[in-house]
Amino acid sequence: FYPEFWGWVKMGRRLIEMHTGFESPEPYPLQTVEQT
């Protein structure tokens, strides 16, 4: 039993998002340098 129940709910949701959403991150904007 936690007095701040909804705070724990938010943390649990965030933890689930981190574990299930790792396959769809935003790509980091790397610079591609191509020579001829």
PDB file of all heavy atoms in Angstrom:
ATOM      1  N   PHE A   1       0.860  -1.176   0.000  1.00  0.00           N
ATOM      2  CA  PHE A   1       0.000   0.000   0.000  1.00  0.00           C
ATOM      3  C   PHE A   1       0.898   1.227   0.000  1.00  0.00           C
ATOM      4  O   PHE A   1       1.767   1.380   0.849  1.00  0.00           O
ATOM      5  CB  PHE A   1      -0.899   0.012   1.234  1.00  0.00           C
ATOM      6  CG  PHE A   1      -1.669   1.292   1.358  1.00  0.00           C
ATOM      7  CD1 PHE A   1      -2.754   1.550   0.530  1.00  0.00           C
ATOM      8  CD2 PHE A   1      -1.293   2.246   2.277  1.00  0.00           C
ATOM      9  CE1 PHE A   1      -3.445   2.730   0.629  1.00  0.00           C
ATOM     10  CE2 PHE A   1      -1.991   3.440   2.380  1.00  0.00           C
ATOM     11  CZ  PHE A   1      -3.065   3.679   1.555  1.00  0.00           C
ATOM     12  N   TYR A   2       0.675   2.095  -0.964  1.00  0.00           N
ATOM     13  CA  TYR A   2       1.448   3.324  -1.055  1.00  0.00           C
ATOM     14  C   TYR A   2       0.496   4.508  -0.987  1.00  0.00           C
ATOM     15  O   TYR A   2      -0.501   4.546  -1.717  1.00  0.00           O
ATOM     16  CB  TYR A   2       2.223   3.378  -2.368  1.00  0.00           C
ATOM     17  CG  TYR A   2       3.311   2.340  -2.452  1.00  0.00           C
ATOM     18  CD1 TYR A   2       3.158   1.217  -3.266  1.00  0.00           C
ATOM     19  CD2 TYR A   2       4.474   2.476  -1.723  1.00  0.00           C
ATOM     20  CE1 TYR A   2       4.151   0.260  -3.333  1.00  0.00           C
ATOM     21  CE2 TYR A   2       5.468   1.520  -1.784  1.00  0.00           C
ATOM     22  CZ  TYR A   2       5.300   0.420  -2.606  1.00  0.00           C
ATOM     23  OH  TYR A   2       6.289  -0.512  -2.664  1.00  0.00           O
ATOM     24  N   PRO A   3       0.788   5.472  -0.146  1.00  0.00           N
ATOM     25  CA  PRO A   3      -0.083   6.647  -0.062  1.00  0.00           C
ATOM     26  C   PRO A   3      -0.172   7.408  -1.391  1.00  0.00           C
ATOM     27  O   PRO A   3      -1.199   7.934  -1.739  1.00  0.00           O
ATOM     28  CB  PRO A   3       0.562   7.514   1.011  1.00  0.00           C
ATOM     29  CG  PRO A   3       1.546   6.662   1.707  1.00  0.00           C
ATOM     30  CD  PRO A   3       1.875   5.521   0.818  1.00  0.00           C
ATOM     31  N   GLU A   4       0.911   7.450  -2.130  1.00  0.00           N
ATOM     32  CA  GLU A   4       0.946   8.147  -3.424  1.00  0.00           C
ATOM     33  C   GLU A   4       0.707   7.137  -4.546  1.00  0.00           C
ATOM     34  O   GLU A   4       1.541   6.976  -5.448  1.00  0.00           O
ATOM     35  CB  GLU A   4       2.306   8.831  -3.606  1.00  0.00           C
ATOM     36  CG  GLU A   4       2.615   9.868  -2.561  1.00  0.00           C
ATOM     37  CD  GLU A   4       1.716  11.082  -2.702  1.00  0.00           C
ATOM     38  OE1 GLU A   4       1.345  11.422  -3.835  1.00  0.00           O
ATOM     39  OE2 GLU A   4       1.375  11.668  -1.660  1.00  0.00           O
ATOM     40  N   PHE A   5      -0.426   6.464  -4.520  1.00  0.00           N
ATOM     41  CA  PHE A   5      -0.705   5.377  -5.455  1.00  0.00           C
ATOM     42  C   PHE A   5      -0.587   5.805  -6.912  1.00  0.00           C
ATOM     43  O   PHE A   5       0.033   5.125  -7.719  1.00  0.00           O
ATOM     44  CB  PHE A   5      -2.114   4.812  -5.179  1.00  0.00           C
ATOM     45  CG  PHE A   5      -2.536   3.759  -6.156  1.00  0.00           C
ATOM     46  CD1 PHE A   5      -2.007   2.486  -6.077  1.00  0.00           C
ATOM     47  CD2 PHE A   5      -3.446   4.046  -7.164  1.00  0.00           C
ATOM     48  CE1 PHE A   5      -2.389   1.500  -6.972  1.00  0.00           C
ATOM     49  CE2 PHE A   5      -3.830   3.071  -8.058  1.00  0.00           C
ATOM     50  CZ  PHE A   5      -3.303   1.798  -7.965  1.00  0.00           C
ATOM     51  N   TRP A   6      -1.175   6.933  -7.294  1.00  0.00           N
ATOM     52  CA  TRP A   6      -1.174   7.341  -8.706  1.00  0.00           C
ATOM     53  C   TRP A   6       0.218   7.735  -9.187  1.00  0.00           C
ATOM     54  O   TRP A   6       0.524   7.615 -10.369  1.00  0.00           O
ATOM     55  CB  TRP A   6      -2.196   8.451  -8.939  1.00  0.00           C
ATOM     56  CG  TRP A   6      -3.573   7.921  -8.720  1.00  0.00           C
ATOM     57  CD1 TRP A   6      -4.422   8.235  -7.688  1.00  0.00           C
ATOM     58  CD2 TRP A   6      -4.247   6.937  -9.505  1.00  0.00           C
ATOM     59  NE1 TRP A   6      -5.577   7.500  -7.791  1.00  0.00           N
ATOM     60  CE2 TRP A   6      -5.498   6.703  -8.906  1.00  0.00           C
ATOM     61  CE3 TRP A   6      -3.918   6.225 -10.645  1.00  0.00           C
ATOM     62  CZ2 TRP A   6      -6.414   5.798  -9.419  1.00  0.00           C
ATOM     63  CZ3 TRP A   6      -4.840   5.324 -11.153  1.00  0.00           C
ATOM     64  CH2 TRP A   6      -6.074   5.114 -10.549  1.00  0.00           C
ATOM     65  N   GLY A   7       1.067   8.154  -8.298  1.00  0.00           N
ATOM     66  CA  GLY A   7       2.464   8.396  -8.677  1.00  0.00           C
ATOM     67  C   GLY A   7       3.157   7.099  -9.075  1.00  0.00           C
ATOM     68  O   GLY A   7       3.913   7.044 -10.039  1.00  0.00           O
ATOM     69  N   TRP A   8       2.870   6.043  -8.316  1.00  0.00           N
ATOM     70  CA  TRP A   8       3.433   4.734  -8.631  1.00  0.00           C
ATOM     71  C   TRP A   8       2.849   4.194  -9.939  1.00  0.00           C
ATOM     72  O   TRP A   8       3.539   3.531 -10.716  1.00  0.00           O
ATOM     73  CB  TRP A   8       3.186   3.752  -7.497  1.00  0.00           C
ATOM     74  CG  TRP A   8       4.055   4.045  -6.320  1.00  0.00           C
ATOM     75  CD1 TRP A   8       3.755   4.831  -5.245  1.00  0.00           C
ATOM     76  CD2 TRP A   8       5.389   3.592  -6.114  1.00  0.00           C
ATOM     77  NE1 TRP A   8       4.812   4.886  -4.377  1.00  0.00           N
ATOM     78  CE2 TRP A   8       5.832   4.125  -4.895  1.00  0.00           C
ATOM     79  CE3 TRP A   8       6.253   2.779  -6.843  1.00  0.00           C
ATOM     80  CZ2 TRP A   8       7.096   3.876  -4.389  1.00  0.00           C
ATOM     81  CZ3 TRP A   8       7.506   2.523  -6.323  1.00  0.00           C
ATOM     82  CH2 TRP A   8       7.918   3.073  -5.121  1.00  0.00           C
ATOM     83  N   VAL A   9       1.591   4.489 -10.191  1.00  0.00           N
ATOM     84  CA  VAL A   9       0.968   4.065 -11.446  1.00  0.00           C
ATOM     85  C   VAL A   9       1.675   4.727 -12.624  1.00  0.00           C
ATOM     86  O   VAL A   9       1.988   4.081 -13.623  1.00  0.00           O
ATOM     87  CB  VAL A   9      -0.542   4.398 -11.448  1.00  0.00           C
ATOM     88  CG1 VAL A   9      -1.145   4.228 -12.832  1.00  0.00           C
ATOM     89  CG2 VAL A   9      -1.275   3.531 -10.439  1.00  0.00           C
ATOM     90  N   LYS A  10       1.956   6.026 -12.504  1.00  0.00           N
ATOM     91  CA  LYS A  10       2.661   6.738 -13.581  1.00  0.00           C
ATOM     92  C   LYS A  10       4.052   6.167 -13.811  1.00  0.00           C
ATOM     93  O   LYS A  10       4.488   5.989 -14.949  1.00  0.00           O
ATOM     94  CB  LYS A  10       2.747   8.233 -13.246  1.00  0.00           C
ATOM     95  CG  LYS A  10       1.437   8.966 -13.444  1.00  0.00           C
ATOM     96  CD  LYS A  10       1.475  10.385 -12.943  1.00  0.00           C
ATOM     97  CE  LYS A  10       2.471  11.220 -13.711  1.00  0.00           C
ATOM     98  NZ  LYS A  10       2.477  12.625 -13.298  1.00  0.00           N
ATOM     99  N   MET A  11       4.762   5.859 -12.717  1.00  0.00           N
ATOM    100  CA  MET A  11       6.094   5.278 -12.865  1.00  0.00           C
ATOM    101  C   MET A  11       6.022   3.897 -13.503  1.00  0.00           C
ATOM    102  O   MET A  11       6.857   3.545 -14.344  1.00  0.00           O
ATOM    103  CB  MET A  11       6.793   5.194 -11.501  1.00  0.00           C
ATOM    104  CG  MET A  11       7.281   6.517 -11.006  1.00  0.00           C
ATOM    105  SD  MET A  11       8.305   6.375  -9.542  1.00  0.00           S
ATOM    106  CE  MET A  11       7.069   6.154  -8.273  1.00  0.00           C
ATOM    107  N   GLY A  12       5.041   3.105 -13.128  1.00  0.00           N
ATOM    108  CA  GLY A  12       4.867   1.778 -13.723  1.00  0.00           C
ATOM    109  C   GLY A  12       4.566   1.861 -15.206  1.00  0.00           C
ATOM    110  O   GLY A  12       5.104   1.094 -16.012  1.00  0.00           O
ATOM    111  N   ARG A  13       3.709   2.805 -15.594  1.00  0.00           N
ATOM    112  CA  ARG A  13       3.418   2.982 -17.021  1.00  0.00           C
ATOM    113  C   ARG A  13       4.659   3.386 -17.789  1.00  0.00           C
ATOM    114  O   ARG A  13       4.913   2.904 -18.892  1.00  0.00           O
ATOM    115  CB  ARG A  13       2.327   4.038 -17.200  1.00  0.00           C
ATOM    116  CG  ARG A  13       0.968   3.512 -16.890  1.00  0.00           C
ATOM    117  CD  ARG A  13      -0.099   4.500 -17.283  1.00  0.00           C
ATOM    118  NE  ARG A  13      -1.393   3.970 -16.890  1.00  0.00           N
ATOM    119  CZ  ARG A  13      -2.358   4.675 -16.371  1.00  0.00           C
ATOM    120  NH1 ARG A  13      -2.195   5.971 -16.167  1.00  0.00           N
ATOM    121  NH2 ARG A  13      -3.502   4.112 -16.051  1.00  0.00           N
ATOM    122  N   ARG A  14       5.430   4.287 -17.218  1.00  0.00           N
ATOM    123  CA  ARG A  14       6.666   4.733 -17.882  1.00  0.00           C
ATOM    124  C   ARG A  14       7.647   3.575 -18.034  1.00  0.00           C
ATOM    125  O   ARG A  14       8.299   3.420 -19.066  1.00  0.00           O
ATOM    126  CB  ARG A  14       7.297   5.868 -17.078  1.00  0.00           C
ATOM    127  CG  ARG A  14       8.573   6.391 -17.635  1.00  0.00           C
ATOM    128  CD  ARG A  14       8.336   7.169 -18.914  1.00  0.00           C
ATOM    129  NE  ARG A  14       9.608   7.592 -19.441  1.00  0.00           N
ATOM    130  CZ  ARG A  14      10.070   7.267 -20.640  1.00  0.00           C
ATOM    131  NH1 ARG A  14       9.338   6.549 -21.457  1.00  0.00           N
ATOM    132  NH2 ARG A  14      11.242   7.668 -21.037  1.00  0.00           N
ATOM    133  N   LEU A  15       7.751   2.734 -17.010  1.00  0.00           N
ATOM    134  CA  LEU A  15       8.630   1.574 -17.057  1.00  0.00           C
ATOM    135  C   LEU A  15       8.185   0.606 -18.153  1.00  0.00           C
ATOM    136  O   LEU A  15       9.009   0.091 -18.917  1.00  0.00           O
ATOM    137  CB  LEU A  15       8.657   0.879 -15.694  1.00  0.00           C
ATOM    138  CG  LEU A  15       9.607  -0.285 -15.535  1.00  0.00           C
ATOM    139  CD1 LEU A  15      11.042   0.165 -15.735  1.00  0.00           C
ATOM    140  CD2 LEU A  15       9.433  -0.910 -14.168  1.00  0.00           C
ATOM    141  N   ILE A  16       6.895   0.387 -18.267  1.00  0.00           N
ATOM    142  CA  ILE A  16       6.376  -0.506 -19.321  1.00  0.00           C
ATOM    143  C   ILE A  16       6.669   0.083 -20.689  1.00  0.00           C
ATOM    144  O   ILE A  16       7.036  -0.643 -21.616  1.00  0.00           O
ATOM    145  CB  ILE A  16       4.866  -0.722 -19.114  1.00  0.00           C
ATOM    146  CG1 ILE A  16       4.661  -1.421 -17.815  1.00  0.00           C
ATOM    147  CG2 ILE A  16       4.244  -1.398 -20.309  1.00  0.00           C
ATOM    148  CD1 ILE A  16       3.902  -2.670 -17.800  1.00  0.00           C
ATOM    149  N   GLU A  17       6.496   1.403 -20.849  1.00  0.00           N
ATOM    150  CA  GLU A  17       6.798   2.049 -22.133  1.00  0.00           C
ATOM    151  C   GLU A  17       8.263   1.872 -22.504  1.00  0.00           C
ATOM    152  O   GLU A  17       8.590   1.648 -23.662  1.00  0.00           O
ATOM    153  CB  GLU A  17       6.461   3.537 -22.063  1.00  0.00           C
ATOM    154  CG  GLU A  17       4.990   3.842 -22.038  1.00  0.00           C
ATOM    155  CD  GLU A  17       4.722   5.307 -21.760  1.00  0.00           C
ATOM    156  OE1 GLU A  17       5.678   6.116 -21.677  1.00  0.00           O
ATOM    157  OE2 GLU A  17       3.537   5.658 -21.607  1.00  0.00           O
ATOM    158  N   MET A  18       9.144   1.980 -21.510  1.00  0.00           N
ATOM    159  CA  MET A  18      10.573   1.823 -21.791  1.00  0.00           C
ATOM    160  C   MET A  18      10.889   0.399 -22.224  1.00  0.00           C
ATOM    161  O   MET A  18      11.732   0.184 -23.098  1.00  0.00           O
ATOM    162  CB  MET A  18      11.396   2.204 -20.557  1.00  0.00           C
ATOM    163  CG  MET A  18      11.397   3.679 -20.313  1.00  0.00           C
ATOM    164  SD  MET A  18      12.145   4.264 -18.767  1.00  0.00           S
ATOM    165  CE  MET A  18      13.319   3.082 -18.302  1.00  0.00           C
ATOM    166  N   HIS A  19      10.220  -0.582 -21.639  1.00  0.00           N
ATOM    167  CA  HIS A  19      10.504  -1.979 -21.961  1.00  0.00           C
ATOM    168  C   HIS A  19       9.856  -2.428 -23.262  1.00  0.00           C
ATOM    169  O   HIS A  19      10.360  -3.332 -23.916  1.00  0.00           O
ATOM    170  CB  HIS A  19      10.039  -2.897 -20.822  1.00  0.00           C
ATOM    171  CG  HIS A  19      10.986  -2.904 -19.671  1.00  0.00           C
ATOM    172  ND1 HIS A  19      12.166  -3.600 -19.672  1.00  0.00           N
ATOM    173  CD2 HIS A  19      10.932  -2.284 -18.475  1.00  0.00           C
ATOM    174  CE1 HIS A  19      12.798  -3.415 -18.537  1.00  0.00           C
ATOM    175  NE2 HIS A  19      12.077  -2.614 -17.789  1.00  0.00           N
ATOM    176  N   THR A  20       8.742  -1.814 -23.636  1.00  0.00           N
ATOM    177  CA  THR A  20       8.055  -2.259 -24.848  1.00  0.00           C
ATOM    178  C   THR A  20       8.281  -1.337 -26.037  1.00  0.00           C
ATOM    179  O   THR A  20       8.091  -1.740 -27.164  1.00  0.00           O
ATOM    180  CB  THR A  20       6.535  -2.382 -24.602  1.00  0.00           C
ATOM    181  OG1 THR A  20       6.030  -1.113 -24.177  1.00  0.00           O
ATOM    182  CG2 THR A  20       6.242  -3.440 -23.568  1.00  0.00           C
ATOM    183  N   GLY A  21       8.698  -0.108 -25.822  1.00  0.00           N
ATOM    184  CA  GLY A  21       8.842   0.843 -26.914  1.00  0.00           C
ATOM    185  C   GLY A  21      10.267   1.061 -27.386  1.00  0.00           C
ATOM    186  O   GLY A  21      10.542   2.009 -28.107  1.00  0.00           O
ATOM    187  N   PHE A  22      11.192   0.183 -27.015  1.00  0.00           N
ATOM    188  CA  PHE A  22      12.591   0.408 -27.371  1.00  0.00           C
ATOM    189  C   PHE A  22      12.865   0.152 -28.845  1.00  0.00           C
ATOM    190  O   PHE A  22      13.898   0.547 -29.369  1.00  0.00           O
ATOM    191  CB  PHE A  22      13.524  -0.454 -26.509  1.00  0.00           C
ATOM    192  CG  PHE A  22      13.431  -1.925 -26.799  1.00  0.00           C
ATOM    193  CD1 PHE A  22      14.270  -2.512 -27.712  1.00  0.00           C
ATOM    194  CD2 PHE A  22      12.490  -2.714 -26.162  1.00  0.00           C
ATOM    195  CE1 PHE A  22      14.187  -3.862 -27.985  1.00  0.00           C
ATOM    196  CE2 PHE A  22      12.397  -4.051 -26.425  1.00  0.00           C
ATOM    197  CZ  PHE A  22      13.242  -4.632 -27.343  1.00  0.00           C
ATOM    198  N   GLU A  23      11.939  -0.503 -29.548  1.00  0.00           N
ATOM    199  CA  GLU A  23      12.173  -0.823 -30.953  1.00  0.00           C
ATOM    200  C   GLU A  23      11.804   0.319 -31.890  1.00  0.00           C
ATOM    201  O   GLU A  23      12.070   0.251 -33.072  1.00  0.00           O
ATOM    202  CB  GLU A  23      11.386  -2.073 -31.331  1.00  0.00           C
ATOM    203  CG  GLU A  23      11.865  -3.297 -30.593  1.00  0.00           C
ATOM    204  CD  GLU A  23      10.962  -4.485 -30.808  1.00  0.00           C
ATOM    205  OE1 GLU A  23       9.799  -4.284 -31.184  1.00  0.00           O
ATOM    206  OE2 GLU A  23      11.425  -5.607 -30.586  1.00  0.00           O
ATOM    207  N   SER A  24      11.191   1.364 -31.380  1.00  0.00           N
ATOM    208  CA  SER A  24      10.752   2.455 -32.251  1.00  0.00           C
ATOM    209  C   SER A  24      11.261   3.817 -31.776  1.00  0.00           C
ATOM    210  O   SER A  24      10.489   4.746 -31.620  1.00  0.00           O
ATOM    211  CB  SER A  24       9.231   2.461 -32.327  1.00  0.00           C
ATOM    212  OG  SER A  24       8.685   2.591 -31.028  1.00  0.00           O
ATOM    213  N   PRO A  25      12.567   3.954 -31.560  1.00  0.00           N
ATOM    214  CA  PRO A  25      13.075   5.260 -31.140  1.00  0.00           C
ATOM    215  C   PRO A  25      13.221   6.200 -32.336  1.00  0.00           C
ATOM    216  O   PRO A  25      13.229   5.776 -33.488  1.00  0.00           O
ATOM    217  CB  PRO A  25      14.447   4.933 -30.548  1.00  0.00           C
ATOM    218  CG  PRO A  25      14.900   3.767 -31.345  1.00  0.00           C
ATOM    219  CD  PRO A  25      13.645   2.970 -31.609  1.00  0.00           C
ATOM    220  N   GLU A  26      13.335   7.467 -32.044  1.00  0.00           N
ATOM    221  CA  GLU A  26      13.628   8.442 -33.090  1.00  0.00           C
ATOM    222  C   GLU A  26      15.092   8.276 -33.495  1.00  0.00           C
ATOM    223  O   GLU A  26      15.972   8.209 -32.641  1.00  0.00           O
ATOM    224  CB  GLU A  26      13.416   9.859 -32.552  1.00  0.00           C
ATOM    225  CG  GLU A  26      11.976  10.214 -32.319  1.00  0.00           C
ATOM    226  CD  GLU A  26      11.209  10.354 -33.611  1.00  0.00           C
ATOM    227  OE1 GLU A  26      11.773  10.875 -34.588  1.00  0.00           O
ATOM    228  OE2 GLU A  26      10.046   9.912 -33.645  1.00  0.00           O
ATOM    229  N   PRO A  27      15.390   8.179 -34.784  1.00  0.00           N
ATOM    230  CA  PRO A  27      16.788   8.035 -35.203  1.00  0.00           C
ATOM    231  C   PRO A  27      17.592   9.296 -34.870  1.00  0.00           C
ATOM    232  O   PRO A  27      17.083  10.410 -34.974  1.00  0.00           O
ATOM    233  CB  PRO A  27      16.713   7.820 -36.710  1.00  0.00           C
ATOM    234  CG  PRO A  27      15.310   7.977 -37.103  1.00  0.00           C
ATOM    235  CD  PRO A  27      14.469   8.158 -35.886  1.00  0.00           C
ATOM    236  N   TYR A  28      18.815   9.090 -34.449  1.00  0.00           N
ATOM    237  CA  TYR A  28      19.687  10.216 -34.138  1.00  0.00           C
ATOM    238  C   TYR A  28      20.146  10.854 -35.448  1.00  0.00           C
ATOM    239  O   TYR A  28      20.503  10.144 -36.390  1.00  0.00           O
ATOM    240  CB  TYR A  28      20.901   9.742 -33.319  1.00  0.00           C
ATOM    241  CG  TYR A  28      21.675  10.884 -32.744  1.00  0.00           C
ATOM    242  CD1 TYR A  28      21.278  11.489 -31.564  1.00  0.00           C
ATOM    243  CD2 TYR A  28      22.787  11.387 -33.398  1.00  0.00           C
ATOM    244  CE1 TYR A  28      21.974  12.546 -31.036  1.00  0.00           C
ATOM    245  CE2 TYR A  28      23.490  12.456 -32.873  1.00  0.00           C
ATOM    246  CZ  TYR A  28      23.077  13.030 -31.697  1.00  0.00           C
ATOM    247  OH  TYR A  28      23.754  14.088 -31.184  1.00  0.00           O
ATOM    248  N   PRO A  29      20.151  12.172 -35.533  1.00  0.00           N
ATOM    249  CA  PRO A  29      20.496  12.821 -36.804  1.00  0.00           C
ATOM    250  C   PRO A  29      22.006  12.809 -37.089  1.00  0.00           C
ATOM    251  O   PRO A  29      22.693  13.809 -36.894  1.00  0.00           O
ATOM    252  CB  PRO A  29      19.966  14.242 -36.632  1.00  0.00           C
ATOM    253  CG  PRO A  29      20.006  14.474 -35.155  1.00  0.00           C
ATOM    254  CD  PRO A  29      19.737  13.129 -34.525  1.00  0.00           C
ATOM    255  N   LEU A  30      22.508  11.692 -37.547  1.00  0.00           N
ATOM    256  CA  LEU A  30      23.914  11.614 -37.936  1.00  0.00           C
ATOM    257  C   LEU A  30      24.103  12.243 -39.312  1.00  0.00           C
ATOM    258  O   LEU A  30      23.178  12.272 -40.130  1.00  0.00           O
ATOM    259  CB  LEU A  30      24.374  10.157 -37.993  1.00  0.00           C
ATOM    260  CG  LEU A  30      24.420   9.409 -36.663  1.00  0.00           C
ATOM    261  CD1 LEU A  30      24.803   7.960 -36.902  1.00  0.00           C
ATOM    262  CD2 LEU A  30      25.406  10.051 -35.726  1.00  0.00           C
ATOM    263  N   GLN A  31      25.294  12.721 -39.570  1.00  0.00           N
ATOM    264  CA  GLN A  31      25.612  13.280 -40.883  1.00  0.00           C
ATOM    265  C   GLN A  31      26.274  12.189 -41.717  1.00  0.00           C
ATOM    266  O   GLN A  31      27.245  11.578 -41.281  1.00  0.00           O
ATOM    267  CB  GLN A  31      26.579  14.461 -40.736  1.00  0.00           C
ATOM    268  CG  GLN A  31      26.051  15.554 -39.842  1.00  0.00           C
ATOM    269  CD  GLN A  31      27.171  16.410 -39.287  1.00  0.00           C
ATOM    270  OE1 GLN A  31      28.342  16.124 -39.477  1.00  0.00           O
ATOM    271  NE2 GLN A  31      26.806  17.460 -38.584  1.00  0.00           N
ATOM    272  N   THR A  32      25.738  11.949 -42.880  1.00  0.00           N
ATOM    273  CA  THR A  32      26.332  10.970 -43.789  1.00  0.00           C
ATOM    274  C   THR A  32      27.218  11.715 -44.769  1.00  0.00           C
ATOM    275  O   THR A  32      26.753  12.584 -45.502  1.00  0.00           O
ATOM    276  CB  THR A  32      25.237  10.201 -44.549  1.00  0.00           C
ATOM    277  OG1 THR A  32      24.370   9.604 -43.599  1.00  0.00           O
ATOM    278  CG2 THR A  32      25.839   9.118 -45.416  1.00  0.00           C
ATOM    279  N   VAL A  33      28.503  11.392 -44.760  1.00  0.00           N
ATOM    280  CA  VAL A  33      29.464  12.026 -45.659  1.00  0.00           C
ATOM    281  C   VAL A  33      29.823  11.002 -46.732  1.00  0.00           C
ATOM    282  O   VAL A  33      30.391   9.960 -46.427  1.00  0.00           O
ATOM    283  CB  VAL A  33      30.730  12.475 -44.885  1.00  0.00           C
ATOM    284  CG1 VAL A  33      31.716  13.127 -45.819  1.00  0.00           C
ATOM    285  CG2 VAL A  33      30.353  13.386 -43.734  1.00  0.00           C
ATOM    286  N   GLU A  34      29.445  11.313 -47.967  1.00  0.00           N
ATOM    287  CA  GLU A  34      29.712  10.401 -49.084  1.00  0.00           C
ATOM    288  C   GLU A  34      30.717  11.046 -50.018  1.00  0.00           C
ATOM    289  O   GLU A  34      30.562  12.193 -50.404  1.00  0.00           O
ATOM    290  CB  GLU A  34      28.412  10.097 -49.841  1.00  0.00           C
ATOM    291  CG  GLU A  34      27.339   9.526 -48.968  1.00  0.00           C
ATOM    292  CD  GLU A  34      27.010   8.101 -49.324  1.00  0.00           C
ATOM    293  OE1 GLU A  34      27.587   7.569 -50.278  1.00  0.00           O
ATOM    294  OE2 GLU A  34      26.182   7.531 -48.614  1.00  0.00           O
ATOM    295  N   GLN A  35      31.737  10.305 -50.367  1.00  0.00           N
ATOM    296  CA  GLN A  35      32.700  10.772 -51.356  1.00  0.00           C
ATOM    297  C   GLN A  35      32.316  10.178 -52.704  1.00  0.00           C
ATOM    298  O   GLN A  35      31.554   9.219 -52.788  1.00  0.00           O
ATOM    299  CB  GLN A  35      34.105  10.345 -50.963  1.00  0.00           C
ATOM    300  CG  GLN A  35      34.539  10.928 -49.638  1.00  0.00           C
ATOM    301  CD  GLN A  35      35.885  10.384 -49.195  1.00  0.00           C
ATOM    302  OE1 GLN A  35      36.484   9.569 -49.880  1.00  0.00           O
ATOM    303  NE2 GLN A  35      36.346  10.835 -48.050  1.00  0.00           N
ATOM    304  N   THR A  36      32.850  10.740 -53.749  1.00  0.00           N
ATOM    305  CA  THR A  36      32.534  10.216 -55.076  1.00  0.00           C
ATOM    306  C   THR A  36      33.254   8.896 -55.299  1.00  0.00           C
ATOM    307  O   THR A  36      34.286   8.614 -54.693  1.00  0.00           O
ATOM    308  CB  THR A  36      32.952  11.216 -56.164  1.00  0.00           C
ATOM    309  OG1 THR A  36      34.350  11.484 -56.035  1.00  0.00           O
ATOM    310  CG2 THR A  36      32.160  12.499 -56.043  1.00  0.00           C
TER     311      THR A  36
END
